[in-house]
C-alpha atoms as a PDB file:
ATOM      1  CA  MET A   1      86.365  92.547 104.247  1.00  0.00           C
ATOM      2  CA  GLN A   2      87.350  90.234 101.425  1.00  0.00           C
ATOM      3  CA  GLN A   3      86.369  86.757 102.534  1.00  0.00           C
ATOM      4  CA  ASN A   4      88.968  85.258 104.897  1.00  0.00           C
ATOM      5  CA  THR A   5      91.965  87.062 103.317  1.00  0.00           C
ATOM      6  CA  ALA A   6      94.769  89.210 104.751  1.00  0.00           C
ATOM      7  CA  LEU A   7      97.770  90.938 103.206  1.00  0.00           C
ATOM      8  CA  LEU A   8     100.974  90.349 105.190  1.00  0.00           C
ATOM      9  CA  VAL A   9     103.678  93.020 104.872  1.00  0.00           C
ATOM     10  CA  MET A  10     106.773  91.388 106.345  1.00  0.00           C
ATOM     11  CA  ASP A  11     110.151  92.719 107.495  1.00  0.00           C
ATOM     12  CA  MET A  12     109.775  96.059 105.741  1.00  0.00           C
ATOM     13  CA  GLN A  13     112.045  97.859 108.194  1.00  0.00           C
ATOM     14  CA  ALA A  14     114.884 100.218 107.270  1.00  0.00           C
ATOM     15  CA  ALA A  15     117.534  97.909 108.756  1.00  0.00           C
ATOM     16  CA  VAL A  16     116.255  94.965 106.704  1.00  0.00           C
ATOM     17  CA  LEU A  17     115.890  97.006 103.511  1.00  0.00           C
ATOM     18  CA  ALA A  18     119.524  98.096 103.817  1.00  0.00           C
ATOM     19  CA  GLY A  19     120.348  94.814 102.053  1.00  0.00           C
ATOM     20  CA  LEU A  20     118.915  96.124  98.774  1.00  0.00           C
ATOM     21  CA  ALA A  21     120.808  98.421  96.433  1.00  0.00           C
ATOM     22  CA  ASP A  22     117.567 100.293  95.637  1.00  0.00           C
ATOM     23  CA  PRO A  23     114.545  99.528  97.831  1.00  0.00           C
ATOM     24  CA  LYS A  24     112.320 102.142  96.106  1.00  0.00           C
ATOM     25  CA  PRO A  25     110.693  99.789  93.529  1.00  0.00           C
ATOM     26  CA  LEU A  26     109.863  97.242  96.240  1.00  0.00           C
ATOM     27  CA  LEU A  27     108.482  99.939  98.553  1.00  0.00           C
ATOM     28  CA  SER A  28     106.391 101.381  95.718  1.00  0.00           C
ATOM     29  CA  ASN A  29     104.947  97.980  94.756  1.00  0.00           C
ATOM     30  CA  ILE A  30     104.075  97.069  98.330  1.00  0.00           C
ATOM     31  CA  ALA A  31     102.544 100.516  98.888  1.00  0.00           C
ATOM     32  CA  THR A  32     100.314  99.851  95.862  1.00  0.00           C
ATOM     33  CA  ALA A  33      99.350  96.433  97.278  1.00  0.00           C
ATOM     34  CA  VAL A  34      98.551  97.991 100.669  1.00  0.00           C
ATOM     35  CA  THR A  35      96.399 100.696  99.075  1.00  0.00           C
ATOM     36  CA  HIS A  36      94.556  98.094  97.007  1.00  0.00           C
ATOM     37  CA  ALA A  37      93.989  95.900 100.064  1.00  0.00           C
ATOM     38  CA  ARG A  38      92.671  98.820 102.104  1.00  0.00           C
ATOM     39  CA  ASN A  39      90.365  99.922  99.269  1.00  0.00           C
ATOM     40  CA  ASN A  40      88.969  96.395  99.017  1.00  0.00           C
ATOM     41  CA  ASN A  41      88.533  95.793 102.754  1.00  0.00           C
ATOM     42  CA  ILE A  42      91.369  93.270 102.920  1.00  0.00           C
ATOM     43  CA  PRO A  43      93.059  93.530 106.329  1.00  0.00           C
ATOM     44  CA  VAL A  44      96.736  94.508 106.242  1.00  0.00           C
ATOM     45  CA  ILE A  45      98.908  92.911 108.913  1.00  0.00           C
ATOM     46  CA  TYR A  46     102.474  94.088 109.370  1.00  0.00           C
ATOM     47  CA  VAL A  47     105.109  91.672 110.632  1.00  0.00           C
ATOM     48  CA  VAL A  48     108.421  93.009 111.940  1.00  0.00           C
ATOM     49  CA  VAL A  49     111.458  91.230 113.312  1.00  0.00           C
ATOM     50  CA  GLY A  50     112.693  92.526 116.635  1.00  0.00           C
ATOM     51  CA  PHE A  51     114.120  91.742 120.013  1.00  0.00           C
ATOM     52  CA  ARG A  52     114.109  93.112 123.526  1.00  0.00           C
ATOM     53  CA  THR A  53     116.996  95.297 124.693  1.00  0.00           C
ATOM     54  CA  GLY A  54     120.003  93.041 125.073  1.00  0.00           C
ATOM     55  CA  ALA A  55     118.387  90.473 122.737  1.00  0.00           C
ATOM     56  CA  PRO A  56     117.770  87.752 125.359  1.00  0.00           C
ATOM     57  CA  GLU A  57     115.759  85.818 122.724  1.00  0.00           C
ATOM     58  CA  ILE A  58     118.862  85.183 120.623  1.00  0.00           C
ATOM     59  CA  SER A  59     121.019  82.131 121.160  1.00  0.00           C
ATOM     60  CA  THR A  60     124.675  82.299 120.182  1.00  0.00           C
ATOM     61  CA  ARG A  61     123.998  79.000 118.382  1.00  0.00           C
ATOM     62  CA  ASN A  62     121.677  80.734 115.930  1.00  0.00           C
ATOM     63  CA  LYS A  63     123.753  81.303 112.804  1.00  0.00           C
ATOM     64  CA  MET A  64     121.548  84.049 111.390  1.00  0.00           C
ATOM     65  CA  PHE A  65     120.866  86.096 114.534  1.00  0.00           C
ATOM     66  CA  GLY A  66     123.663  84.974 116.915  1.00  0.00           C
ATOM     67  CA  GLY A  67     126.064  87.811 116.119  1.00  0.00           C
ATOM     68  CA  MET A  68     123.356  90.383 116.682  1.00  0.00           C
ATOM     69  CA  ARG A  69     123.333  89.854 120.413  1.00  0.00           C
ATOM     70  CA  GLU A  70     126.736  91.503 120.748  1.00  0.00           C
ATOM     71  CA  ARG A  71     125.907  94.191 118.177  1.00  0.00           C
ATOM     72  CA  SER A  72     122.518  94.984 119.703  1.00  0.00           C
ATOM     73  CA  SER A  73     123.875  97.014 122.604  1.00  0.00           C
ATOM     74  CA  GLY A  74     124.027 100.112 120.394  1.00  0.00           C
ATOM     75  CA  ILE A  75     120.737  99.485 118.597  1.00  0.00           C
ATOM     76  CA  ASN A  76     117.579 101.312 119.571  1.00  0.00           C
ATOM     77  CA  MET A  77     115.142  98.392 119.450  1.00  0.00           C
ATOM     78  CA  GLU A  78     112.086 100.660 119.263  1.00  0.00           C
ATOM     79  CA  GLU A  79     113.513 102.283 116.125  1.00  0.00           C
ATOM     80  CA  MET A  80     114.408  98.898 114.654  1.00  0.00           C
ATOM     81  CA  LEU A  81     110.773  97.758 114.961  1.00  0.00           C
ATOM     82  CA  LYS A  82     109.386 100.643 112.894  1.00  0.00           C
ATOM     83  CA  VAL A  83     107.964  99.858 109.486  1.00  0.00           C
ATOM     84  CA  HIS A  84     109.492 101.959 106.690  1.00  0.00           C
ATOM     85  CA  PRO A  85     107.627 105.312 106.577  1.00  0.00           C
ATOM     86  CA  ASP A  86     106.548 104.727 102.937  1.00  0.00           C
ATOM     87  CA  LEU A  87     104.436 101.826 104.247  1.00  0.00           C
ATOM     88  CA  ALA A  88     103.284 103.317 107.538  1.00  0.00           C
ATOM     89  CA  PRO A  89     100.538 101.218 109.133  1.00  0.00           C
ATOM     90  CA  ALA A  90      97.157 102.852 109.585  1.00  0.00           C
ATOM     91  CA  THR A  91      95.980 103.361 113.165  1.00  0.00           C
ATOM     92  CA  ASN A  92      93.697 100.312 113.088  1.00  0.00           C
ATOM     93  CA  GLU A  93      96.226  97.938 111.468  1.00  0.00           C
ATOM     94  CA  ILE A  94      97.965  95.217 113.441  1.00  0.00           C
ATOM     95  CA  ILE A  95     101.738  95.027 113.854  1.00  0.00           C
ATOM     96  CA  VAL A  96     103.089  91.615 114.843  1.00  0.00           C
ATOM     97  CA  VAL A  97     106.597  91.261 116.298  1.00  0.00           C
ATOM     98  CA  LYS A  98     108.370  88.014 115.492  1.00  0.00           C
ATOM     99  CA  ARG A  99     111.608  86.698 116.961  1.00  0.00           C
ATOM    100  CA  ARG A 100     112.886  84.530 114.114  1.00  0.00           C
ATOM    101  CA  VAL A 101     112.671  84.289 110.324  1.00  0.00           C
ATOM    102  CA  SER A 102     109.116  82.922 109.968  1.00  0.00           C
ATOM    103  CA  ALA A 103     106.287  85.354 110.685  1.00  0.00           C
ATOM    104  CA  PHE A 104     104.798  82.702 112.974  1.00  0.00           C
ATOM    105  CA  THR A 105     107.832  81.960 115.170  1.00  0.00           C
ATOM    106  CA  GLY A 106     107.821  83.817 118.465  1.00  0.00           C
ATOM    107  CA  SER A 107     104.768  85.881 117.508  1.00  0.00           C
ATOM    108  CA  ASP A 108     101.031  85.883 118.032  1.00  0.00           C
ATOM    109  CA  LEU A 109     100.287  85.902 114.292  1.00  0.00           C
ATOM    110  CA  GLU A 110      98.431  82.595 114.290  1.00  0.00           C
ATOM    111  CA  VAL A 111      96.183  83.688 117.177  1.00  0.00           C
ATOM    112  CA  ILE A 112      95.331  86.898 115.299  1.00  0.00           C
ATOM    113  CA  LEU A 113      94.611  85.041 112.054  1.00  0.00           C
ATOM    114  CA  ARG A 114      92.322  82.553 113.822  1.00  0.00           C
ATOM    115  CA  ALA A 115      90.501  85.329 115.686  1.00  0.00           C
ATOM    116  CA  GLN A 116      89.890  87.181 112.416  1.00  0.00           C
ATOM    117  CA  GLY A 117      88.847  84.042 110.517  1.00  0.00           C
ATOM    118  CA  ILE A 118      91.715  84.471 108.046  1.00  0.00           C
ATOM    119  CA  GLN A 119      92.385  81.426 105.874  1.00  0.00           C
ATOM    120  CA  HIS A 120      94.098  83.027 102.849  1.00  0.00           C
ATOM    121  CA  LEU A 121      97.406  84.870 103.188  1.00  0.00           C
ATOM    122  CA  ILE A 122      98.841  87.261 100.607  1.00  0.00           C
ATOM    123  CA  LEU A 123     102.600  87.401 101.272  1.00  0.00           C
ATOM    124  CA  THR A 124     104.907  90.352 100.578  1.00  0.00           C
ATOM    125  CA  GLY A 125     108.204  91.427 102.096  1.00  0.00           C
ATOM    126  CA  MET A 126     111.944  91.292 102.377  1.00  0.00           C
ATOM    127  CA  ALA A 127     113.431  88.722 101.786  1.00  0.00           C
ATOM    128  CA  ALA A 128     112.068  86.039  99.475  1.00  0.00           C
ATOM    129  CA  SER A 129     114.770  83.644 100.714  1.00  0.00           C
ATOM    130  CA  GLY A 130     114.049  84.574 104.339  1.00  0.00           C
ATOM    131  CA  VAL A 131     110.696  85.612 105.796  1.00  0.00           C
ATOM    132  CA  VAL A 132     108.678  84.814 102.656  1.00  0.00           C
ATOM    133  CA  LEU A 133     110.101  81.292 102.305  1.00  0.00           C
ATOM    134  CA  SER A 134     109.863  80.465 106.008  1.00  0.00           C
ATOM    135  CA  THR A 135     106.367  81.908 106.385  1.00  0.00           C
ATOM    136  CA  LEU A 136     105.156  80.160 103.230  1.00  0.00           C
ATOM    137  CA  ARG A 137     106.393  76.781 104.472  1.00  0.00           C
ATOM    138  CA  GLU A 138     104.872  77.168 107.927  1.00  0.00           C
ATOM    139  CA  ALA A 139     101.596  78.597 106.594  1.00  0.00           C
ATOM    140  CA  ALA A 140     101.290  75.694 104.148  1.00  0.00           C
ATOM    141  CA  ASP A 141     101.838  73.221 106.989  1.00  0.00           C
ATOM    142  CA  LYS A 142      99.043  75.011 108.874  1.00  0.00           C
ATOM    143  CA  ASP A 143      96.717  74.614 105.841  1.00  0.00           C
ATOM    144  CA  TYR A 144      96.422  78.285 104.870  1.00  0.00           C
ATOM    145  CA  ARG A 145      95.726  79.189 101.266  1.00  0.00           C
ATOM    146  CA  ILE A 146      98.685  81.284 100.098  1.00  0.00           C
ATOM    147  CA  THR A 147      99.322  83.825  97.368  1.00  0.00           C
ATOM    148  CA  ILE A 148     102.728  85.409  96.877  1.00  0.00           C
ATOM    149  CA  LEU A 149     103.034  88.745  95.100  1.00  0.00           C
ATOM    150  CA  GLU A 150     106.264  88.203  93.172  1.00  0.00           C
ATOM    151  CA  ASP A 151     107.121  91.852  92.565  1.00  0.00           C
ATOM    152  CA  CYS A 152     106.268  92.685  96.190  1.00  0.00           C
ATOM    153  CA  CYS A 153     109.069  90.453  97.475  1.00  0.00           C
ATOM    154  CA  GLY A 154     112.662  91.575  97.573  1.00  0.00           C
ATOM    155  CA  ASP A 155     115.886  89.653  98.026  1.00  0.00           C
ATOM    156  CA  ARG A 156     119.589  90.393  98.008  1.00  0.00           C
ATOM    157  CA  ASP A 157     120.043  87.698  95.352  1.00  0.00           C
ATOM    158  CA  ASP A 158     117.805  88.021  92.279  1.00  0.00           C
ATOM    159  CA  GLU A 159     118.787  84.559  91.010  1.00  0.00           C
ATOM    160  CA  VAL A 160     117.728  82.887  94.256  1.00  0.00           C
ATOM    161  CA  LYS A 161     114.477  84.867  94.254  1.00  0.00           C
ATOM    162  CA  GLY A 162     113.768  83.778  90.678  1.00  0.00           C
ATOM    163  CA  ILE A 163     114.337  80.106  91.467  1.00  0.00           C
ATOM    164  CA  LEU A 164     112.152  80.312  94.571  1.00  0.00           C
ATOM    165  CA  MET A 165     109.311  81.968  92.672  1.00  0.00           C
ATOM    166  CA  ALA A 166     109.458  79.666  89.616  1.00  0.00           C
ATOM    167  CA  LYS A 167     110.272  76.320  91.196  1.00  0.00           C
ATOM    168  CA  VAL A 168     109.705  76.282  94.955  1.00  0.00           C
ATOM    169  CA  PHE A 169     106.885  78.663  95.891  1.00  0.00           C
ATOM    170  CA  VAL A 170     104.560  77.442  93.135  1.00  0.00           C
ATOM    171  CA  GLN A 171     104.409  74.045  94.852  1.00  0.00           C
ATOM    172  CA  GLN A 172     102.536  75.543  97.820  1.00  0.00           C
ATOM    173  CA  ALA A 173     101.219  78.921  96.677  1.00  0.00           C
ATOM    174  CA  ASP A 174      99.809  80.908  93.802  1.00  0.00           C
ATOM    175  CA  VAL A 175     102.568  83.235  92.595  1.00  0.00           C
ATOM    176  CA  LEU A 176     101.189  86.374  90.953  1.00  0.00           C
ATOM    177  CA  LYS A 177     102.474  89.716  89.787  1.00  0.00           C
ATOM    178  CA  LEU A 178     100.974  92.700  91.613  1.00  0.00           C
ATOM    179  CA  ASN A 179      98.913  93.783  88.583  1.00  0.00           C
ATOM    180  CA  GLU A 180      97.482  90.251  88.183  1.00  0.00           C
ATOM    181  CA  TRP A 181      96.421  90.219  91.835  1.00  0.00           C
ATOM    182  CA  ILE A 182      94.809  93.647  91.514  1.00  0.00           C
ATOM    183  CA  LYS A 183      92.816  92.503  88.452  1.00  0.00           C
ATOM    184  CA  VAL A 184      91.626  89.353  90.237  1.00  0.00           C
ATOM    185  CA  ASN A 185      90.623  91.323  93.348  1.00  0.00           C
ATOM    186  CA  SER A 186      88.911  94.345  91.809  1.00  0.00           C
END
């Protein structure tokens, strides 16, 4: 295992990826990152957003998730929780279910990271303005070292993603391209 490091693959579910015109480049890049992590004994932890049947965790006051409570009656929650097949977790890899935007909120991610001695998080996922931003902020407040793989993060708005990567994320994380990260960790 690479010393105290884990790759987080966040919100890479079909329903979440539906927000991208073409998710194939993002899926391909993250698949490369996952393969590299596995080959270098870096644990891969998957984080998915999901709710119980009927979505009792969702308040109608929550602007982002509030409308889902009504829409969730026709959703198969078990299907919603599945990671995209191009990124299928290996048998021994952990899948964390979160209940809000941050990977930490409503999940046992922090307990898992502490138990594994993880102090450095490599963040990937969909969306840069959602799970990546929220997880970065919370992880920084919890004193984790953070690296963001720029081309392993998607977003519906490329301009917002660009601003986050160039001006916001760099204040609390190392922002690298996938190929740079592979070179550093080979």
